[in-house]
Amino acid sequence: MLDEEETRVRTAMFESLWDEQGFGLFAVELRETGEMAGFTGLAVPRFLPEVLPAVEVGWRLGRPFWGRGIATEAATAAVRFAFEDCALDRLVSIAQIGNVASERVMAKLGMHVEREAITPATGRPVRVHELTRDQYVSSA
């Protein structure tokens, strides 16, 4: 959890990225209650330079919201936004090896494994998944 000041700083950073890039993160909330579940959206994966230039679709949900299809629904909307509104040609999504749940979401999005890599800052192995505009259009 972030304190109020850290939240303000992070929010300002997210807003400036929207202004600079034309995309960013979306809050994910439950329709029924308005409860905040996490986020999804688009970001440049600078933490893994070997895939650049690229835009990553990602998500993070609080543990109580796992296993309910929320990540898939939210990420599907982010993919649609990327290809239809932002006119991107390619998306990646990156998961630590062993994160089966996230890789399952990536498969539901129509993504396929593009490569395995090591994150330079942490030394953790990751799997990079990819979806091109052509693949997205042909699956719609």
N, C-alpha and C. Protein backbone atom coordinates (compact mmCIF):
# COMPACT_ATOMS: atom_id res chain seq x y z
N MET A 1 0.84 -1.18 0.00
CA MET A 1 0.00 0.00 0.00
C MET A 1 0.88 1.24 0.00
N LEU A 2 0.45 2.21 -0.75
CA LEU A 2 1.16 3.48 -0.80
C LEU A 2 0.46 4.48 0.13
N ASP A 3 1.25 5.38 0.70
CA ASP A 3 0.61 6.42 1.49
C ASP A 3 0.05 7.48 0.54
N GLU A 4 -0.63 8.47 1.10
CA GLU A 4 -1.32 9.46 0.28
C GLU A 4 -0.36 10.23 -0.64
N GLU A 5 0.79 10.64 -0.12
CA GLU A 5 1.74 11.39 -0.94
C GLU A 5 2.32 10.53 -2.07
N GLU A 6 2.67 9.28 -1.76
CA GLU A 6 3.19 8.38 -2.79
C GLU A 6 2.13 8.14 -3.87
N THR A 7 0.88 8.05 -3.45
CA THR A 7 -0.21 7.87 -4.40
C THR A 7 -0.34 9.08 -5.32
N ARG A 8 -0.24 10.28 -4.76
CA ARG A 8 -0.30 11.50 -5.58
C ARG A 8 0.82 11.53 -6.62
N VAL A 9 2.04 11.23 -6.16
CA VAL A 9 3.20 11.24 -7.06
C VAL A 9 3.01 10.22 -8.19
N ARG A 10 2.61 9.03 -7.83
CA ARG A 10 2.43 7.98 -8.84
C ARG A 10 1.31 8.33 -9.81
N THR A 11 0.23 8.89 -9.29
CA THR A 11 -0.89 9.29 -10.16
C THR A 11 -0.45 10.36 -11.14
N ALA A 12 0.31 11.33 -10.69
CA ALA A 12 0.82 12.39 -11.58
C ALA A 12 1.71 11.78 -12.67
N MET A 13 2.52 10.81 -12.30
CA MET A 13 3.39 10.15 -13.28
C MET A 13 2.55 9.41 -14.32
N PHE A 14 1.52 8.68 -13.86
CA PHE A 14 0.65 7.96 -14.80
C PHE A 14 -0.04 8.93 -15.75
N GLU A 15 -0.51 10.06 -15.23
CA GLU A 15 -1.19 11.03 -16.08
C GLU A 15 -0.24 11.64 -17.11
N SER A 16 1.00 11.90 -16.71
CA SER A 16 1.95 12.46 -17.68
C SER A 16 2.28 11.45 -18.78
N LEU A 17 2.32 10.16 -18.44
CA LEU A 17 2.56 9.15 -19.47
C LEU A 17 1.42 9.12 -20.49
N TRP A 18 0.19 9.27 -20.02
CA TRP A 18 -0.95 9.34 -20.95
C TRP A 18 -0.76 10.51 -21.89
N ASP A 19 -0.35 11.66 -21.35
CA ASP A 19 -0.15 12.85 -22.18
C ASP A 19 0.96 12.63 -23.21
N GLU A 20 2.05 12.00 -22.80
CA GLU A 20 3.21 11.79 -23.69
C GLU A 20 2.97 10.71 -24.73
N GLN A 21 2.38 9.60 -24.32
CA GLN A 21 2.30 8.40 -25.17
C GLN A 21 0.94 8.18 -25.82
N GLY A 22 -0.11 8.73 -25.22
CA GLY A 22 -1.45 8.49 -25.73
C GLY A 22 -2.06 7.20 -25.21
N PHE A 23 -1.40 6.57 -24.26
CA PHE A 23 -1.92 5.36 -23.62
C PHE A 23 -1.32 5.26 -22.23
N GLY A 24 -1.87 4.33 -21.47
CA GLY A 24 -1.39 4.13 -20.10
C GLY A 24 -2.22 3.08 -19.40
N LEU A 25 -2.40 3.26 -18.10
CA LEU A 25 -3.10 2.28 -17.28
C LEU A 25 -4.54 2.72 -17.02
N PHE A 26 -5.41 1.71 -16.89
CA PHE A 26 -6.81 1.90 -16.54
C PHE A 26 -7.07 1.28 -15.17
N ALA A 27 -7.86 1.93 -14.36
CA ALA A 27 -8.32 1.31 -13.11
C ALA A 27 -9.31 0.22 -13.47
N VAL A 28 -9.28 -0.87 -12.72
CA VAL A 28 -10.24 -1.95 -12.89
C VAL A 28 -11.10 -1.97 -11.63
N GLU A 29 -12.39 -1.81 -11.85
CA GLU A 29 -13.30 -1.86 -10.71
C GLU A 29 -14.46 -2.78 -11.03
N LEU A 30 -15.06 -3.33 -9.99
CA LEU A 30 -16.20 -4.22 -10.17
C LEU A 30 -17.43 -3.41 -10.52
N ARG A 31 -18.12 -3.83 -11.58
CA ARG A 31 -19.34 -3.13 -11.99
C ARG A 31 -20.38 -3.10 -10.88
N GLU A 32 -20.54 -4.24 -10.21
CA GLU A 32 -21.60 -4.39 -9.23
C GLU A 32 -21.43 -3.47 -8.02
N THR A 33 -20.19 -3.27 -7.59
CA THR A 33 -19.95 -2.56 -6.33
C THR A 33 -19.11 -1.30 -6.48
N GLY A 34 -18.40 -1.16 -7.59
CA GLY A 34 -17.48 -0.05 -7.75
C GLY A 34 -16.17 -0.26 -7.01
N GLU A 35 -16.00 -1.43 -6.43
CA GLU A 35 -14.79 -1.74 -5.67
C GLU A 35 -13.58 -1.81 -6.61
N MET A 36 -12.48 -1.19 -6.19
CA MET A 36 -11.25 -1.21 -6.97
C MET A 36 -10.61 -2.60 -6.88
N ALA A 37 -10.39 -3.21 -8.06
CA ALA A 37 -9.81 -4.56 -8.11
C ALA A 37 -8.33 -4.53 -8.50
N GLY A 38 -7.90 -3.48 -9.20
CA GLY A 38 -6.51 -3.40 -9.65
C GLY A 38 -6.40 -2.50 -10.86
N PHE A 39 -5.51 -2.89 -11.79
CA PHE A 39 -5.35 -2.10 -13.01
C PHE A 39 -5.02 -3.00 -14.18
N THR A 40 -5.23 -2.45 -15.36
CA THR A 40 -4.78 -3.05 -16.61
C THR A 40 -4.36 -1.90 -17.51
N GLY A 41 -3.73 -2.20 -18.62
CA GLY A 41 -3.40 -1.14 -19.55
C GLY A 41 -2.15 -1.41 -20.34
N LEU A 42 -1.62 -0.32 -20.87
CA LEU A 42 -0.49 -0.37 -21.80
C LEU A 42 0.67 0.42 -21.23
N ALA A 43 1.88 -0.12 -21.42
CA ALA A 43 3.09 0.56 -20.95
C ALA A 43 4.26 0.12 -21.81
N VAL A 44 5.28 0.93 -21.85
CA VAL A 44 6.52 0.57 -22.54
C VAL A 44 7.36 -0.24 -21.55
N PRO A 45 7.73 -1.48 -21.89
CA PRO A 45 8.46 -2.35 -20.96
C PRO A 45 9.96 -2.06 -20.92
N ARG A 46 10.32 -0.90 -20.40
CA ARG A 46 11.73 -0.49 -20.37
C ARG A 46 12.59 -1.42 -19.51
N PHE A 47 11.97 -2.18 -18.62
CA PHE A 47 12.70 -3.11 -17.76
C PHE A 47 13.29 -4.28 -18.54
N LEU A 48 12.86 -4.45 -19.81
CA LEU A 48 13.37 -5.54 -20.64
C LEU A 48 13.78 -4.96 -22.00
N PRO A 49 14.94 -4.28 -22.04
CA PRO A 49 15.36 -3.55 -23.25
C PRO A 49 15.40 -4.38 -24.53
N GLU A 50 15.64 -5.68 -24.42
CA GLU A 50 15.78 -6.48 -25.63
C GLU A 50 14.49 -6.58 -26.45
N VAL A 51 13.34 -6.26 -25.88
CA VAL A 51 12.09 -6.33 -26.65
C VAL A 51 11.69 -4.99 -27.25
N LEU A 52 12.43 -3.94 -26.91
CA LEU A 52 12.09 -2.60 -27.39
C LEU A 52 12.48 -2.43 -28.86
N PRO A 53 11.76 -1.64 -29.62
CA PRO A 53 10.58 -0.89 -29.21
C PRO A 53 9.37 -1.82 -29.09
N ALA A 54 8.58 -1.60 -28.06
CA ALA A 54 7.40 -2.42 -27.82
C ALA A 54 6.47 -1.71 -26.85
N VAL A 55 5.22 -2.14 -26.89
CA VAL A 55 4.23 -1.73 -25.90
C VAL A 55 3.71 -3.02 -25.29
N GLU A 56 3.61 -3.02 -23.97
CA GLU A 56 3.16 -4.20 -23.24
C GLU A 56 1.75 -4.01 -22.72
N VAL A 57 0.93 -5.03 -22.86
CA VAL A 57 -0.35 -5.06 -22.17
C VAL A 57 -0.12 -5.83 -20.87
N GLY A 58 -0.60 -5.25 -19.79
CA GLY A 58 -0.40 -5.89 -18.49
C GLY A 58 -1.57 -5.66 -17.57
N TRP A 59 -1.52 -6.31 -16.43
CA TRP A 59 -2.59 -6.20 -15.44
C TRP A 59 -2.02 -6.59 -14.09
N ARG A 60 -2.65 -6.09 -13.08
CA ARG A 60 -2.34 -6.50 -11.71
C ARG A 60 -3.62 -6.35 -10.90
N LEU A 61 -4.02 -7.44 -10.29
CA LEU A 61 -5.24 -7.44 -9.48
C LEU A 61 -4.92 -7.84 -8.06
N GLY A 62 -5.71 -7.34 -7.13
CA GLY A 62 -5.59 -7.79 -5.75
C GLY A 62 -5.97 -9.26 -5.65
N ARG A 63 -5.35 -9.96 -4.76
CA ARG A 63 -5.56 -11.40 -4.61
C ARG A 63 -7.04 -11.81 -4.50
N PRO A 64 -7.89 -11.04 -3.80
CA PRO A 64 -9.30 -11.46 -3.72
C PRO A 64 -10.01 -11.51 -5.07
N PHE A 65 -9.40 -10.92 -6.10
CA PHE A 65 -10.04 -10.84 -7.41
C PHE A 65 -9.47 -11.85 -8.41
N TRP A 66 -8.53 -12.66 -7.99
CA TRP A 66 -7.94 -13.66 -8.86
C TRP A 66 -8.95 -14.77 -9.16
N GLY A 67 -8.81 -15.38 -10.35
CA GLY A 67 -9.60 -16.56 -10.69
C GLY A 67 -11.05 -16.29 -11.01
N ARG A 68 -11.39 -15.05 -11.29
CA ARG A 68 -12.79 -14.69 -11.56
C ARG A 68 -13.00 -14.19 -12.98
N GLY A 69 -11.97 -14.26 -13.83
CA GLY A 69 -12.08 -13.81 -15.21
C GLY A 69 -11.92 -12.30 -15.39
N ILE A 70 -11.64 -11.60 -14.30
CA ILE A 70 -11.54 -10.15 -14.36
C ILE A 70 -10.32 -9.72 -15.17
N ALA A 71 -9.19 -10.39 -14.97
CA ALA A 71 -7.97 -10.03 -15.71
C ALA A 71 -8.18 -10.21 -17.20
N THR A 72 -8.80 -11.30 -17.59
CA THR A 72 -9.05 -11.55 -19.01
C THR A 72 -9.98 -10.49 -19.60
N GLU A 73 -11.05 -10.17 -18.89
CA GLU A 73 -11.98 -9.16 -19.39
C GLU A 73 -11.31 -7.79 -19.53
N ALA A 74 -10.56 -7.42 -18.50
CA ALA A 74 -9.90 -6.10 -18.51
C ALA A 74 -8.82 -6.04 -19.58
N ALA A 75 -8.00 -7.09 -19.67
CA ALA A 75 -6.91 -7.09 -20.65
C ALA A 75 -7.45 -7.14 -22.08
N THR A 76 -8.57 -7.81 -22.28
CA THR A 76 -9.20 -7.83 -23.60
C THR A 76 -9.59 -6.41 -24.03
N ALA A 77 -10.12 -5.63 -23.09
CA ALA A 77 -10.47 -4.24 -23.39
C ALA A 77 -9.21 -3.43 -23.70
N ALA A 78 -8.12 -3.68 -22.97
CA ALA A 78 -6.87 -2.96 -23.22
C ALA A 78 -6.29 -3.31 -24.59
N VAL A 79 -6.38 -4.58 -24.98
CA VAL A 79 -5.90 -5.00 -26.31
C VAL A 79 -6.73 -4.32 -27.40
N ARG A 80 -8.04 -4.31 -27.23
CA ARG A 80 -8.91 -3.63 -28.20
C ARG A 80 -8.52 -2.16 -28.32
N PHE A 81 -8.30 -1.49 -27.19
CA PHE A 81 -7.88 -0.09 -27.17
C PHE A 81 -6.56 0.08 -27.93
N ALA A 82 -5.61 -0.82 -27.69
CA ALA A 82 -4.29 -0.73 -28.33
C ALA A 82 -4.39 -0.79 -29.85
N PHE A 83 -5.16 -1.74 -30.35
CA PHE A 83 -5.22 -1.94 -31.80
C PHE A 83 -6.24 -1.03 -32.49
N GLU A 84 -7.37 -0.77 -31.85
CA GLU A 84 -8.42 0.00 -32.51
C GLU A 84 -8.31 1.50 -32.28
N ASP A 85 -7.90 1.91 -31.09
CA ASP A 85 -7.83 3.35 -30.79
C ASP A 85 -6.43 3.92 -30.94
N CYS A 86 -5.43 3.15 -30.55
CA CYS A 86 -4.04 3.63 -30.62
C CYS A 86 -3.34 3.24 -31.91
N ALA A 87 -3.96 2.36 -32.71
CA ALA A 87 -3.41 1.90 -33.99
C ALA A 87 -2.02 1.30 -33.85
N LEU A 88 -1.79 0.58 -32.76
CA LEU A 88 -0.50 -0.11 -32.59
C LEU A 88 -0.45 -1.31 -33.52
N ASP A 89 0.75 -1.71 -33.90
CA ASP A 89 0.94 -2.86 -34.79
C ASP A 89 1.27 -4.14 -34.05
N ARG A 90 1.71 -4.01 -32.79
CA ARG A 90 2.18 -5.19 -32.05
C ARG A 90 2.09 -4.90 -30.56
N LEU A 91 1.72 -5.93 -29.81
CA LEU A 91 1.74 -5.87 -28.35
C LEU A 91 2.55 -7.04 -27.82
N VAL A 92 3.16 -6.84 -26.68
CA VAL A 92 3.79 -7.94 -25.96
C VAL A 92 3.15 -8.00 -24.58
N SER A 93 3.35 -9.11 -23.93
CA SER A 93 2.99 -9.26 -22.53
C SER A 93 4.06 -10.15 -21.92
N ILE A 94 4.50 -9.80 -20.74
CA ILE A 94 5.67 -10.45 -20.15
C ILE A 94 5.30 -11.03 -18.79
N ALA A 95 5.60 -12.30 -18.60
CA ALA A 95 5.30 -12.97 -17.33
C ALA A 95 6.54 -13.67 -16.82
N GLN A 96 6.69 -13.65 -15.51
CA GLN A 96 7.75 -14.45 -14.92
C GLN A 96 7.43 -15.91 -15.20
N ILE A 97 8.45 -16.67 -15.52
CA ILE A 97 8.25 -18.09 -15.78
C ILE A 97 7.71 -18.72 -14.50
N GLY A 98 6.64 -19.47 -14.68
CA GLY A 98 5.96 -20.07 -13.53
C GLY A 98 4.66 -19.37 -13.19
N ASN A 99 4.41 -18.18 -13.77
CA ASN A 99 3.16 -17.47 -13.53
C ASN A 99 2.13 -18.00 -14.52
N VAL A 100 1.63 -19.18 -14.20
CA VAL A 100 0.72 -19.90 -15.09
C VAL A 100 -0.57 -19.12 -15.32
N ALA A 101 -1.09 -18.48 -14.28
CA ALA A 101 -2.35 -17.75 -14.42
C ALA A 101 -2.23 -16.62 -15.43
N SER A 102 -1.16 -15.85 -15.36
CA SER A 102 -0.99 -14.76 -16.33
C SER A 102 -0.78 -15.30 -17.74
N GLU A 103 -0.03 -16.39 -17.86
CA GLU A 103 0.16 -16.96 -19.19
C GLU A 103 -1.14 -17.51 -19.76
N ARG A 104 -2.02 -17.97 -18.89
CA ARG A 104 -3.34 -18.43 -19.34
C ARG A 104 -4.14 -17.24 -19.90
N VAL A 105 -4.07 -16.10 -19.23
CA VAL A 105 -4.74 -14.89 -19.74
C VAL A 105 -4.15 -14.51 -21.09
N MET A 106 -2.84 -14.56 -21.22
CA MET A 106 -2.18 -14.21 -22.48
C MET A 106 -2.67 -15.11 -23.62
N ALA A 107 -2.81 -16.38 -23.33
CA ALA A 107 -3.31 -17.31 -24.35
C ALA A 107 -4.75 -16.96 -24.73
N LYS A 108 -5.58 -16.61 -23.76
CA LYS A 108 -6.96 -16.22 -24.05
C LYS A 108 -7.02 -14.94 -24.89
N LEU A 109 -6.00 -14.10 -24.77
CA LEU A 109 -5.92 -12.89 -25.58
C LEU A 109 -5.47 -13.18 -27.01
N GLY A 110 -5.06 -14.42 -27.28
CA GLY A 110 -4.59 -14.79 -28.61
C GLY A 110 -3.08 -14.63 -28.77
N MET A 111 -2.38 -14.38 -27.67
CA MET A 111 -0.94 -14.17 -27.73
C MET A 111 -0.22 -15.51 -27.82
N HIS A 112 0.98 -15.48 -28.37
CA HIS A 112 1.82 -16.67 -28.43
C HIS A 112 3.22 -16.33 -27.92
N VAL A 113 3.94 -17.35 -27.48
CA VAL A 113 5.28 -17.14 -26.94
C VAL A 113 6.20 -16.67 -28.05
N GLU A 114 6.89 -15.57 -27.78
CA GLU A 114 7.83 -15.01 -28.74
C GLU A 114 9.27 -15.33 -28.34
N ARG A 115 9.54 -15.33 -27.03
CA ARG A 115 10.90 -15.64 -26.56
C ARG A 115 10.91 -15.77 -25.04
N GLU A 116 12.01 -16.32 -24.54
CA GLU A 116 12.30 -16.29 -23.11
C GLU A 116 13.50 -15.37 -22.93
N ALA A 117 13.56 -14.73 -21.77
CA ALA A 117 14.63 -13.76 -21.51
C ALA A 117 14.89 -13.71 -20.01
N ILE A 118 15.91 -12.96 -19.67
CA ILE A 118 16.25 -12.70 -18.27
C ILE A 118 16.11 -11.20 -18.04
N THR A 119 15.35 -10.81 -17.02
CA THR A 119 15.21 -9.40 -16.70
C THR A 119 16.52 -8.89 -16.12
N PRO A 120 17.15 -7.90 -16.76
CA PRO A 120 18.48 -7.44 -16.32
C PRO A 120 18.55 -7.00 -14.86
N ALA A 121 17.56 -6.26 -14.38
CA ALA A 121 17.63 -5.71 -13.03
C ALA A 121 17.47 -6.75 -11.94
N THR A 122 16.72 -7.83 -12.23
CA THR A 122 16.42 -8.81 -11.18
C THR A 122 17.05 -10.18 -11.43
N GLY A 123 17.44 -10.45 -12.67
CA GLY A 123 17.96 -11.77 -13.01
C GLY A 123 16.88 -12.83 -13.11
N ARG A 124 15.61 -12.42 -13.07
CA ARG A 124 14.51 -13.38 -13.13
C ARG A 124 14.21 -13.77 -14.58
N PRO A 125 13.94 -15.06 -14.80
CA PRO A 125 13.56 -15.49 -16.14
C PRO A 125 12.11 -15.11 -16.42
N VAL A 126 11.87 -14.65 -17.63
CA VAL A 126 10.53 -14.26 -18.06
C VAL A 126 10.23 -14.86 -19.43
N ARG A 127 8.95 -14.92 -19.74
CA ARG A 127 8.51 -15.37 -21.05
C ARG A 127 7.76 -14.21 -21.69
N VAL A 128 8.14 -13.88 -22.91
CA VAL A 128 7.54 -12.78 -23.65
C VAL A 128 6.53 -13.36 -24.63
N HIS A 129 5.30 -12.88 -24.54
CA HIS A 129 4.24 -13.28 -25.47
C HIS A 129 3.97 -12.11 -26.41
N GLU A 130 3.43 -12.41 -27.58
CA GLU A 130 3.25 -11.38 -28.61
C GLU A 130 1.90 -11.56 -29.30
N LEU A 131 1.35 -10.43 -29.73
CA LEU A 131 0.16 -10.42 -30.57
C LEU A 131 0.31 -9.27 -31.55
N THR A 132 0.18 -9.57 -32.83
CA THR A 132 0.27 -8.52 -33.85
C THR A 132 -1.12 -8.05 -34.23
N ARG A 133 -1.17 -6.90 -34.87
CA ARG A 133 -2.44 -6.37 -35.36
C ARG A 133 -3.10 -7.37 -36.30
N ASP A 134 -2.33 -7.93 -37.23
CA ASP A 134 -2.89 -8.89 -38.18
C ASP A 134 -3.52 -10.08 -37.47
N GLN A 135 -2.84 -10.60 -36.45
CA GLN A 135 -3.39 -11.72 -35.68
C GLN A 135 -4.68 -11.31 -34.97
N TYR A 136 -4.68 -10.10 -34.41
CA TYR A 136 -5.86 -9.59 -33.71
C TYR A 136 -7.04 -9.48 -34.67
N VAL A 137 -6.80 -8.87 -35.83
CA VAL A 137 -7.87 -8.67 -36.82
C VAL A 137 -8.39 -10.00 -37.32
N SER A 138 -7.51 -10.96 -37.58
CA SER A 138 -7.96 -12.25 -38.13
C SER A 138 -8.72 -13.08 -37.10
N SER A 139 -8.55 -12.79 -35.81
CA SER A 139 -9.26 -13.57 -34.79
C SER A 139 -10.59 -12.92 -34.40
N ALA A 140 -10.83 -11.71 -34.87
CA ALA A 140 -12.06 -10.98 -34.46
C ALA A 140 -13.28 -11.44 -35.22
